[in-house]
Amino acid sequence: MSQSDRQQIIFCFILASTALAVAMGIGRFAFTPILPLMIQEGTVHLAQTAWLSSSNYIGYLVGALSLLKSKRHPLFVVLGLTLVTLTTWLASLSSFDWLLVLRFLAGVASAWVLVSISAFAINWLKSRQVASSGLIYTGVGIGITLTGLICSYFIFQSATVTIAAQSSLSPLSSRLWQYLGVIALLATLLVTFLLAKINSQFASTAAAKANPTEATPTKATNTNPTSSSIPPPAKLKLANVLTAYGLFGFGYILPATFLPQIAKQWLSGQSYLLIWPFFGLAAALSVVLSQGLQHRYNNFSLLGVWRVSQIIMAVGTLLPAVWQSLAGLMLSALMVGGTFMVVTMAGLQVAASQVTHYPKYNLSALMTASFAFGQLIGPLTALVATGNNIWLALLPVSAIVLLIGVALLWRPYQHQQSSSHV
């Protein structure tokens, strides 16, 4: 591999993980650590948070559906990140009605980036025989962790500021949205620059390879049949995979949206601030661990990863309803945060393995749309529940839904197993 190829691969990893960190860590999930502060400041009320969450998830669904036939992946990465930047900064200035619109647009933008990066970066890296392409999804956990740390730091600092000093400042939640908007802008500029670098280098490389006198033989030109002895992945039932992914969206979204608020309600002091950064750190590390296991145990299939991870997630989702302590909530954050990106990654790559069987569909967009529909229903269930202990009823429901999704993935594949790996 040439120095130019290695440089392009590094650029691709950086731009993909950065794009996902902004789109998901800020565009999708910054609302989660800021939510308890917005409720405390009176910017929104608890009943309104379900509407804001649902608005974001409707946008996520619309964004995924809008890309069902699109192939312009780099364009939608840049457009999505630009829209995340604008909606994040404008959230600092908006009333509840405008927040509904902004959260919708942020959902559209997040789906654009996730679908486009999954289609562009994964395929780009695999075309260069990069085995660990799934590591780009560490960007989601890194984004959640950094956003959580930033929000936790300023919230903790504000607790030491006198009331007189606070009265001379704008609400802290508004300032946090502005800070994150600036970070999103800088990251968008970096991703745009790296995309331009990759495209320009790719164009020059393609031009060189078009000249047969300059082309050099590679391992891909080896026609020895033993070099491609791995059989293609078996055809899966698309309806089962899509339904299971939608149930995953429903099951994980309540803890992923409300875990800091649950912690603030049940814990004293500022200890609840630890929950969300820990959630993101678990997400980032879980992707790395999953990749390591895949390379160490070649028979550890994507579907197996998905099933085991979703069972662990179900237990973690149920945990706060039966163990209302800092230890219980931290363990829940570890189990849900440490599996939701593994399931996301496995699900999208299961879809990618089925492209040859379903050539008429953009499977990444279909999976994301199913996921978005499931997570849209999750917060709406909070609207029909009342009382201070609604989580005691809703979290077990989420856990049951996750286990139903596992059953859908298990039964059709009792006698066949995908040979595709992360």
Protein backbone atom coordinates (compact mmCIF):
# COMPACT_ATOMS: atom_id res chain seq x y z
CA MET A 1 0.00 0.00 0.00
CA SER A 2 1.39 3.39 -1.02
CA GLN A 3 1.80 6.39 1.25
CA SER A 4 -0.99 8.14 -0.67
CA ASP A 5 -3.38 5.22 -0.07
CA ARG A 6 -2.59 5.16 3.66
CA GLN A 7 -3.18 8.91 3.85
CA GLN A 8 -6.55 8.60 2.13
CA ILE A 9 -7.60 5.83 4.53
CA ILE A 10 -6.65 7.94 7.56
CA PHE A 11 -8.54 10.91 6.10
CA CYS A 12 -11.61 8.71 5.54
CA PHE A 13 -11.60 7.44 9.15
CA ILE A 14 -11.21 10.98 10.51
CA LEU A 15 -13.93 12.53 8.35
CA ALA A 16 -16.39 9.67 8.94
CA SER A 17 -15.94 9.54 12.73
CA THR A 18 -16.04 13.34 12.97
CA ALA A 19 -19.20 13.54 10.87
CA LEU A 20 -20.91 10.91 13.04
CA ALA A 21 -19.72 12.62 16.23
CA VAL A 22 -21.40 15.86 15.18
CA ALA A 23 -24.53 14.41 13.57
CA MET A 24 -25.28 11.99 16.40
CA GLY A 25 -23.43 13.39 19.42
CA ILE A 26 -24.78 16.90 18.84
CA GLY A 27 -27.58 16.78 16.27
CA ARG A 28 -29.33 13.79 17.81
CA PHE A 29 -28.22 13.45 21.40
CA ALA A 30 -27.12 16.87 22.72
CA PHE A 31 -30.76 17.32 23.70
CA THR A 32 -30.41 14.50 26.24
CA PRO A 33 -27.82 16.06 28.63
CA ILE A 34 -29.26 19.56 28.19
CA LEU A 35 -32.83 18.40 28.83
CA PRO A 36 -32.67 18.33 32.67
CA LEU A 37 -31.27 21.86 32.63
CA MET A 38 -33.98 23.13 30.25
CA ILE A 39 -36.64 21.66 32.55
CA GLN A 40 -34.98 23.22 35.60
CA GLU A 41 -34.80 26.64 33.92
CA GLY A 42 -38.43 26.40 32.79
CA THR A 43 -37.53 26.55 29.09
CA VAL A 44 -39.61 23.42 28.52
CA HIS A 45 -41.85 21.27 30.67
CA LEU A 46 -41.56 17.50 31.09
CA ALA A 47 -44.68 16.85 29.00
CA GLN A 48 -43.23 18.96 26.16
CA THR A 49 -39.99 16.95 26.02
CA ALA A 50 -41.81 13.98 24.51
CA TRP A 51 -43.07 16.22 21.70
CA LEU A 52 -39.57 17.60 21.10
CA SER A 53 -38.11 14.10 21.02
CA SER A 54 -40.81 12.85 18.68
CA SER A 55 -40.30 15.82 16.38
CA ASN A 56 -36.63 14.92 16.11
CA TYR A 57 -37.44 11.29 15.37
CA ILE A 58 -40.03 12.22 12.74
CA GLY A 59 -37.30 14.27 11.09
CA TYR A 60 -34.96 11.28 11.32
CA LEU A 61 -37.56 9.12 9.58
CA VAL A 62 -38.16 11.72 6.85
CA GLY A 63 -34.42 12.15 6.34
CA ALA A 64 -33.88 8.42 5.93
CA LEU A 65 -36.81 8.04 3.52
CA SER A 66 -35.60 10.98 1.44
CA LEU A 67 -32.37 9.09 0.64
CA LEU A 68 -33.93 5.80 -0.46
CA LYS A 69 -32.75 6.32 -4.04
CA SER A 70 -29.97 8.85 -3.55
CA LYS A 71 -26.36 8.06 -4.47
CA ARG A 72 -24.96 11.55 -3.76
CA HIS A 73 -23.48 10.58 -0.43
CA PRO A 74 -20.72 13.23 0.05
CA LEU A 75 -23.18 16.00 -0.80
CA PHE A 76 -25.66 14.90 1.86
CA VAL A 77 -22.90 14.53 4.44
CA VAL A 78 -21.99 18.21 4.00
CA LEU A 79 -25.61 19.35 3.80
CA GLY A 80 -26.51 17.36 6.90
CA LEU A 81 -23.62 18.72 8.96
CA THR A 82 -24.39 22.29 7.87
CA LEU A 83 -28.01 21.85 8.93
CA VAL A 84 -26.91 20.37 12.30
CA THR A 85 -24.74 23.44 12.87
CA LEU A 86 -27.55 25.89 12.10
CA THR A 87 -30.24 24.12 14.11
CA THR A 88 -27.95 23.67 17.12
CA TRP A 89 -27.02 27.34 17.32
CA LEU A 90 -30.59 28.55 16.64
CA ALA A 91 -31.89 26.32 19.46
CA SER A 92 -30.39 28.86 21.86
CA LEU A 93 -32.77 31.57 20.62
CA SER A 94 -36.00 29.69 20.12
CA SER A 95 -39.32 29.27 21.86
CA PHE A 96 -40.94 25.86 22.25
CA ASP A 97 -42.78 26.14 18.91
CA TRP A 98 -39.58 26.91 17.03
CA LEU A 99 -37.73 24.20 18.94
CA LEU A 100 -40.19 21.70 17.51
CA VAL A 101 -39.20 22.79 13.99
CA LEU A 102 -35.49 22.85 14.78
CA ARG A 103 -35.53 19.39 16.37
CA PHE A 104 -37.33 18.09 13.27
CA LEU A 105 -34.67 19.58 10.98
CA ALA A 106 -31.88 18.27 13.20
CA GLY A 107 -33.40 14.79 12.85
CA VAL A 108 -33.45 15.10 9.06
CA ALA A 109 -29.82 16.21 9.08
CA SER A 110 -28.70 13.40 11.40
CA ALA A 111 -30.28 10.75 9.16
CA TRP A 112 -28.67 12.28 6.07
CA VAL A 113 -25.24 12.04 7.65
CA LEU A 114 -25.63 8.54 9.12
CA VAL A 115 -27.07 6.99 5.96
CA SER A 116 -24.62 8.77 3.65
CA ILE A 117 -21.53 8.05 5.75
CA SER A 118 -22.55 4.40 6.14
CA ALA A 119 -22.97 4.07 2.38
CA PHE A 120 -19.91 6.12 1.40
CA ALA A 121 -17.21 5.45 4.00
CA ILE A 122 -17.87 1.73 4.64
CA ASN A 123 -17.87 0.89 0.92
CA TRP A 124 -14.90 3.18 0.26
CA LEU A 125 -12.82 1.52 2.99
CA LYS A 126 -13.84 -2.02 2.00
CA SER A 127 -12.82 -1.30 -1.60
CA ARG A 128 -9.32 -0.78 -0.21
CA GLN A 129 -9.41 -4.02 1.78
CA VAL A 130 -9.66 -2.21 5.14
CA ALA A 131 -10.97 -4.87 7.52
CA SER A 132 -11.91 -2.55 10.39
CA SER A 133 -14.21 -0.18 8.52
CA GLY A 134 -16.78 -0.45 11.33
CA LEU A 135 -14.47 1.58 13.58
CA ILE A 136 -15.90 4.73 12.02
CA TYR A 137 -18.90 4.22 14.34
CA THR A 138 -16.74 5.04 17.36
CA GLY A 139 -17.46 8.62 16.28
CA VAL A 140 -20.98 8.34 17.67
CA GLY A 141 -19.76 7.39 21.15
CA ILE A 142 -16.97 9.97 21.05
CA GLY A 143 -19.48 12.67 20.11
CA ILE A 144 -21.85 11.66 22.92
CA THR A 145 -18.99 11.57 25.43
CA LEU A 146 -17.57 14.97 24.51
CA THR A 147 -21.01 16.58 24.39
CA GLY A 148 -21.84 15.06 27.78
CA LEU A 149 -18.57 16.24 29.31
CA ILE A 150 -19.01 19.77 27.99
CA CYS A 151 -22.58 20.00 29.28
CA SER A 152 -21.70 18.39 32.62
CA TYR A 153 -18.76 20.76 33.14
CA PHE A 154 -20.78 23.93 32.57
CA ILE A 155 -23.75 22.66 34.59
CA PHE A 156 -21.43 21.77 37.48
CA GLN A 157 -19.69 25.16 37.25
CA SER A 158 -23.00 27.01 37.21
CA ALA A 159 -23.92 25.41 40.54
CA THR A 160 -21.09 27.38 42.17
CA VAL A 161 -22.06 30.73 40.64
CA THR A 162 -24.03 33.13 42.80
CA ILE A 163 -27.63 33.95 41.96
CA ALA A 164 -26.69 37.58 41.31
CA ALA A 165 -24.05 36.54 38.78
CA GLN A 166 -26.41 34.12 37.07
CA SER A 167 -29.06 36.79 36.63
CA SER A 168 -26.68 38.82 34.46
CA LEU A 169 -26.17 35.92 32.04
CA SER A 170 -28.37 34.28 29.45
CA PRO A 171 -29.82 30.88 30.46
CA LEU A 172 -27.11 28.24 30.63
CA SER A 173 -29.01 25.93 28.29
CA SER A 174 -28.96 28.67 25.61
CA ARG A 175 -25.22 29.14 26.02
CA LEU A 176 -24.64 25.40 25.76
CA TRP A 177 -26.51 25.25 22.45
CA GLN A 178 -24.32 28.10 21.19
CA TYR A 179 -21.08 26.44 22.29
CA LEU A 180 -22.08 23.18 20.61
CA GLY A 181 -23.08 25.08 17.46
CA VAL A 182 -19.58 26.55 17.20
CA ILE A 183 -18.04 23.10 17.67
CA ALA A 184 -20.33 21.70 14.96
CA LEU A 185 -19.27 24.48 12.59
CA LEU A 186 -15.55 23.75 13.06
CA ALA A 187 -16.13 20.03 12.58
CA THR A 188 -18.18 20.65 9.42
CA LEU A 189 -15.34 22.66 7.92
CA LEU A 190 -12.89 19.85 8.73
CA VAL A 191 -15.11 17.17 7.16
CA THR A 192 -15.67 19.28 4.03
CA PHE A 193 -11.92 19.80 3.64
CA LEU A 194 -11.16 16.08 4.06
CA LEU A 195 -13.90 15.09 1.60
CA ALA A 196 -12.36 17.41 -0.97
CA LYS A 197 -8.90 15.92 -0.33
CA ILE A 198 -10.15 12.35 -0.71
CA ASN A 199 -12.09 13.12 -3.88
CA SER A 200 -9.15 14.93 -5.50
CA GLN A 201 -6.70 12.13 -4.61
CA PHE A 202 -9.19 9.49 -5.74
CA ALA A 203 -9.62 11.25 -9.08
CA SER A 204 -5.87 11.38 -9.69
CA THR A 205 -5.49 7.71 -8.68
CA ALA A 206 -8.31 6.67 -11.01
CA ALA A 207 -6.72 8.60 -13.87
CA ALA A 208 -3.40 6.84 -13.30
CA LYS A 209 -5.03 3.41 -13.22
CA ALA A 210 -6.90 4.19 -16.45
CA ASN A 211 -3.52 4.03 -18.25
CA PRO A 212 -2.68 0.34 -18.56
CA THR A 213 1.04 1.06 -18.88
CA GLU A 214 1.00 2.58 -15.39
CA ALA A 215 -1.30 0.11 -13.70
CA THR A 216 0.32 -2.28 -11.28
CA PRO A 217 -1.00 -5.74 -10.43
CA THR A 218 -2.67 -6.13 -7.07
CA LYS A 219 -3.97 -9.01 -5.04
CA ALA A 220 -7.42 -8.34 -6.44
CA THR A 221 -6.21 -9.48 -9.90
CA ASN A 222 -5.45 -12.96 -8.62
CA THR A 223 -7.92 -15.34 -10.26
CA ASN A 224 -6.99 -18.34 -8.18
CA PRO A 225 -10.34 -19.78 -7.05
CA THR A 226 -8.97 -20.67 -3.64
CA SER A 227 -8.45 -16.98 -2.90
CA SER A 228 -12.21 -16.42 -2.85
CA SER A 229 -13.34 -19.53 -1.02
CA ILE A 230 -15.58 -17.64 1.39
CA PRO A 231 -19.19 -18.17 0.23
CA PRO A 232 -21.51 -15.17 -0.23
CA PRO A 233 -23.80 -14.37 2.72
CA ALA A 234 -27.09 -16.23 2.81
CA LYS A 235 -30.23 -14.40 1.82
CA LEU A 236 -32.09 -13.14 4.88
CA LYS A 237 -35.78 -12.37 5.24
CA LEU A 238 -35.80 -8.62 4.81
CA ALA A 239 -39.10 -8.13 6.66
CA ASN A 240 -37.71 -9.81 9.79
CA VAL A 241 -34.50 -7.80 9.75
CA LEU A 242 -36.33 -4.50 9.20
CA THR A 243 -38.90 -5.25 11.92
CA ALA A 244 -36.21 -6.29 14.41
CA TYR A 245 -34.30 -3.08 13.71
CA GLY A 246 -37.45 -1.03 14.24
CA LEU A 247 -38.11 -2.77 17.57
CA PHE A 248 -34.52 -1.98 18.55
CA GLY A 249 -35.28 1.69 17.84
CA PHE A 250 -38.33 1.59 20.09
CA GLY A 251 -36.64 -0.34 22.88
CA TYR A 252 -33.47 1.67 23.31
CA ILE A 253 -34.83 5.18 22.84
CA LEU A 254 -36.37 5.78 26.29
CA PRO A 255 -33.13 5.27 28.21
CA ALA A 256 -31.14 6.96 25.43
CA THR A 257 -33.36 10.06 25.67
CA PHE A 258 -34.34 10.25 29.32
CA LEU A 259 -31.62 8.47 31.33
CA PRO A 260 -30.05 11.74 32.63
CA GLN A 261 -33.51 13.05 33.55
CA ILE A 262 -34.32 9.75 35.30
CA ALA A 263 -31.01 10.03 37.18
CA LYS A 264 -31.68 13.65 38.15
CA GLN A 265 -35.09 12.64 39.49
CA TRP A 266 -33.81 9.71 41.55
CA LEU A 267 -30.33 10.89 42.63
CA SER A 268 -29.29 13.71 44.93
CA GLY A 269 -26.67 16.36 44.16
CA GLN A 270 -24.80 16.53 40.86
CA SER A 271 -23.96 12.83 40.51
CA TYR A 272 -26.47 12.49 37.65
CA LEU A 273 -23.99 14.44 35.49
CA LEU A 274 -21.81 11.33 35.29
CA ILE A 275 -24.43 9.26 33.50
CA TRP A 276 -24.38 10.65 29.96
CA PRO A 277 -20.58 10.91 29.43
CA PHE A 278 -20.32 7.35 30.74
CA PHE A 279 -23.03 6.27 28.27
CA GLY A 280 -21.04 7.76 25.37
CA LEU A 281 -17.72 6.32 26.52
CA ALA A 282 -19.29 2.86 26.72
CA ALA A 283 -20.63 3.31 23.17
CA ALA A 284 -17.22 4.23 21.75
CA LEU A 285 -15.33 1.44 23.53
CA SER A 286 -17.95 -1.16 22.61
CA VAL A 287 -17.37 -0.61 18.89
CA VAL A 288 -13.63 -1.15 19.34
CA LEU A 289 -14.24 -4.29 21.44
CA SER A 290 -16.71 -5.65 18.90
CA GLN A 291 -14.19 -5.18 16.09
CA GLY A 292 -11.53 -6.99 18.11
CA LEU A 293 -13.82 -9.94 18.79
CA GLN A 294 -14.76 -10.17 15.12
CA HIS A 295 -11.12 -10.44 14.07
CA ARG A 296 -10.25 -12.90 16.86
CA TYR A 297 -13.23 -15.22 16.35
CA ASN A 298 -14.07 -15.52 12.67
CA ASN A 299 -17.23 -17.54 13.34
CA PHE A 300 -18.72 -14.76 15.48
CA SER A 301 -21.38 -13.61 13.01
CA LEU A 302 -23.00 -10.23 12.69
CA LEU A 303 -26.38 -11.68 13.59
CA GLY A 304 -24.86 -13.27 16.69
CA VAL A 305 -23.39 -9.91 17.71
CA TRP A 306 -26.77 -8.28 17.16
CA ARG A 307 -28.71 -10.85 19.18
CA VAL A 308 -26.35 -10.98 22.17
CA SER A 309 -26.00 -7.19 22.30
CA GLN A 310 -29.75 -6.65 22.22
CA ILE A 311 -30.29 -9.10 25.09
CA ILE A 312 -27.72 -7.18 27.17
CA MET A 313 -29.45 -3.94 26.20
CA ALA A 314 -32.83 -5.29 27.34
CA VAL A 315 -31.40 -6.09 30.78
CA GLY A 316 -29.80 -2.64 30.99
CA THR A 317 -33.05 -0.97 29.99
CA LEU A 318 -34.95 -2.79 32.75
CA LEU A 319 -32.32 -2.13 35.41
CA PRO A 320 -33.29 1.46 36.47
CA ALA A 321 -36.83 0.29 37.16
CA VAL A 322 -35.62 -2.22 39.76
CA TRP A 323 -32.39 -0.64 41.06
CA GLN A 324 -32.78 3.11 41.65
CA SER A 325 -29.26 4.06 42.72
CA LEU A 326 -26.13 5.60 41.19
CA ALA A 327 -24.63 2.13 40.74
CA GLY A 328 -27.79 0.84 39.05
CA LEU A 329 -28.01 3.81 36.69
CA MET A 330 -24.30 3.65 35.82
CA LEU A 331 -24.63 -0.06 35.06
CA SER A 332 -27.67 0.70 32.91
CA ALA A 333 -25.68 3.36 31.04
CA LEU A 334 -22.89 0.82 30.51
CA MET A 335 -25.24 -1.91 29.24
CA VAL A 336 -27.35 0.30 26.96
CA GLY A 337 -24.56 2.65 25.88
CA GLY A 338 -22.23 -0.29 25.39
CA THR A 339 -24.59 -2.09 23.02
CA PHE A 340 -26.67 0.42 21.06
CA MET A 341 -23.86 1.32 18.64
CA VAL A 342 -22.86 -2.34 18.27
CA VAL A 343 -26.45 -3.16 17.25
CA THR A 344 -26.55 -0.13 14.94
CA MET A 345 -23.27 -1.13 13.33
CA ALA A 346 -24.21 -4.80 13.03
CA GLY A 347 -27.66 -4.00 11.65
CA LEU A 348 -26.35 -1.65 8.96
CA GLN A 349 -23.66 -4.11 7.95
CA VAL A 350 -26.15 -6.99 7.85
CA ALA A 351 -28.09 -4.79 5.42
CA ALA A 352 -24.92 -4.10 3.43
CA SER A 353 -24.29 -7.84 3.15
CA GLN A 354 -27.69 -8.26 1.48
CA VAL A 355 -27.21 -5.71 -1.31
CA THR A 356 -26.71 -8.41 -3.93
CA HIS A 357 -29.97 -10.10 -2.90
CA TYR A 358 -32.00 -6.86 -2.87
CA PRO A 359 -30.38 -4.64 -5.55
CA LYS A 360 -33.45 -2.41 -5.97
CA TYR A 361 -33.30 -1.00 -2.43
CA ASN A 362 -31.04 1.38 -0.53
CA LEU A 363 -30.92 -0.96 2.44
CA SER A 364 -29.08 1.49 4.71
CA ALA A 365 -31.89 3.99 4.22
CA LEU A 366 -34.57 1.33 4.71
CA MET A 367 -32.98 0.14 7.95
CA THR A 368 -32.62 3.71 9.22
CA ALA A 369 -36.25 4.45 8.33
CA SER A 370 -37.44 1.38 10.24
CA PHE A 371 -35.28 2.35 13.20
CA ALA A 372 -36.62 5.91 13.08
CA PHE A 373 -40.23 4.71 13.05
CA GLY A 374 -39.60 2.55 16.11
CA GLN A 375 -37.86 5.29 18.08
CA LEU A 376 -40.62 7.73 17.13
CA ILE A 377 -43.20 5.62 18.96
CA GLY A 378 -41.03 5.38 22.10
CA PRO A 379 -41.37 8.96 23.39
CA LEU A 380 -45.04 9.04 22.40
CA THR A 381 -45.68 6.33 24.99
CA ALA A 382 -44.44 8.81 27.62
CA LEU A 383 -47.30 11.14 26.65
CA VAL A 384 -49.95 8.62 27.68
CA ALA A 385 -48.22 7.80 30.97
CA THR A 386 -48.57 10.07 33.97
CA GLY A 387 -47.03 10.45 37.39
CA ASN A 388 -43.53 10.81 38.74
CA ASN A 389 -42.75 7.11 38.37
CA ILE A 390 -43.73 6.59 34.73
CA TRP A 391 -40.31 5.04 34.11
CA LEU A 392 -41.23 2.10 36.35
CA ALA A 393 -43.91 1.18 33.80
CA LEU A 394 -42.24 2.22 30.54
CA LEU A 395 -38.77 0.75 30.96
CA PRO A 396 -40.02 -2.86 31.34
CA VAL A 397 -42.09 -2.37 28.17
CA SER A 398 -38.95 -1.28 26.31
CA ALA A 399 -37.08 -4.33 27.58
CA ILE A 400 -39.84 -6.69 26.38
CA VAL A 401 -39.88 -5.07 22.93
CA LEU A 402 -36.12 -5.54 22.63
CA LEU A 403 -36.47 -9.25 23.43
CA ILE A 404 -39.21 -9.64 20.81
CA GLY A 405 -36.73 -8.22 18.30
CA VAL A 406 -34.18 -10.84 19.36
CA ALA A 407 -36.75 -13.59 18.75
CA LEU A 408 -37.35 -12.30 15.22
CA LEU A 409 -33.63 -12.49 14.52
CA TRP A 410 -33.26 -15.95 16.02
CA ARG A 411 -35.99 -18.17 14.62
CA PRO A 412 -35.51 -17.66 10.85
CA TYR A 413 -31.79 -18.41 11.16
CA GLN A 414 -31.75 -21.55 13.30
CA HIS A 415 -30.41 -23.63 10.42
CA GLN A 416 -28.34 -21.01 8.57
CA GLN A 417 -25.99 -18.29 9.66
CA SER A 418 -24.60 -15.26 7.92
CA SER A 419 -20.92 -15.53 7.16
CA SER A 420 -20.51 -11.78 6.89
CA HIS A 421 -18.47 -10.12 9.60
CA VAL A 422 -18.05 -6.64 10.99
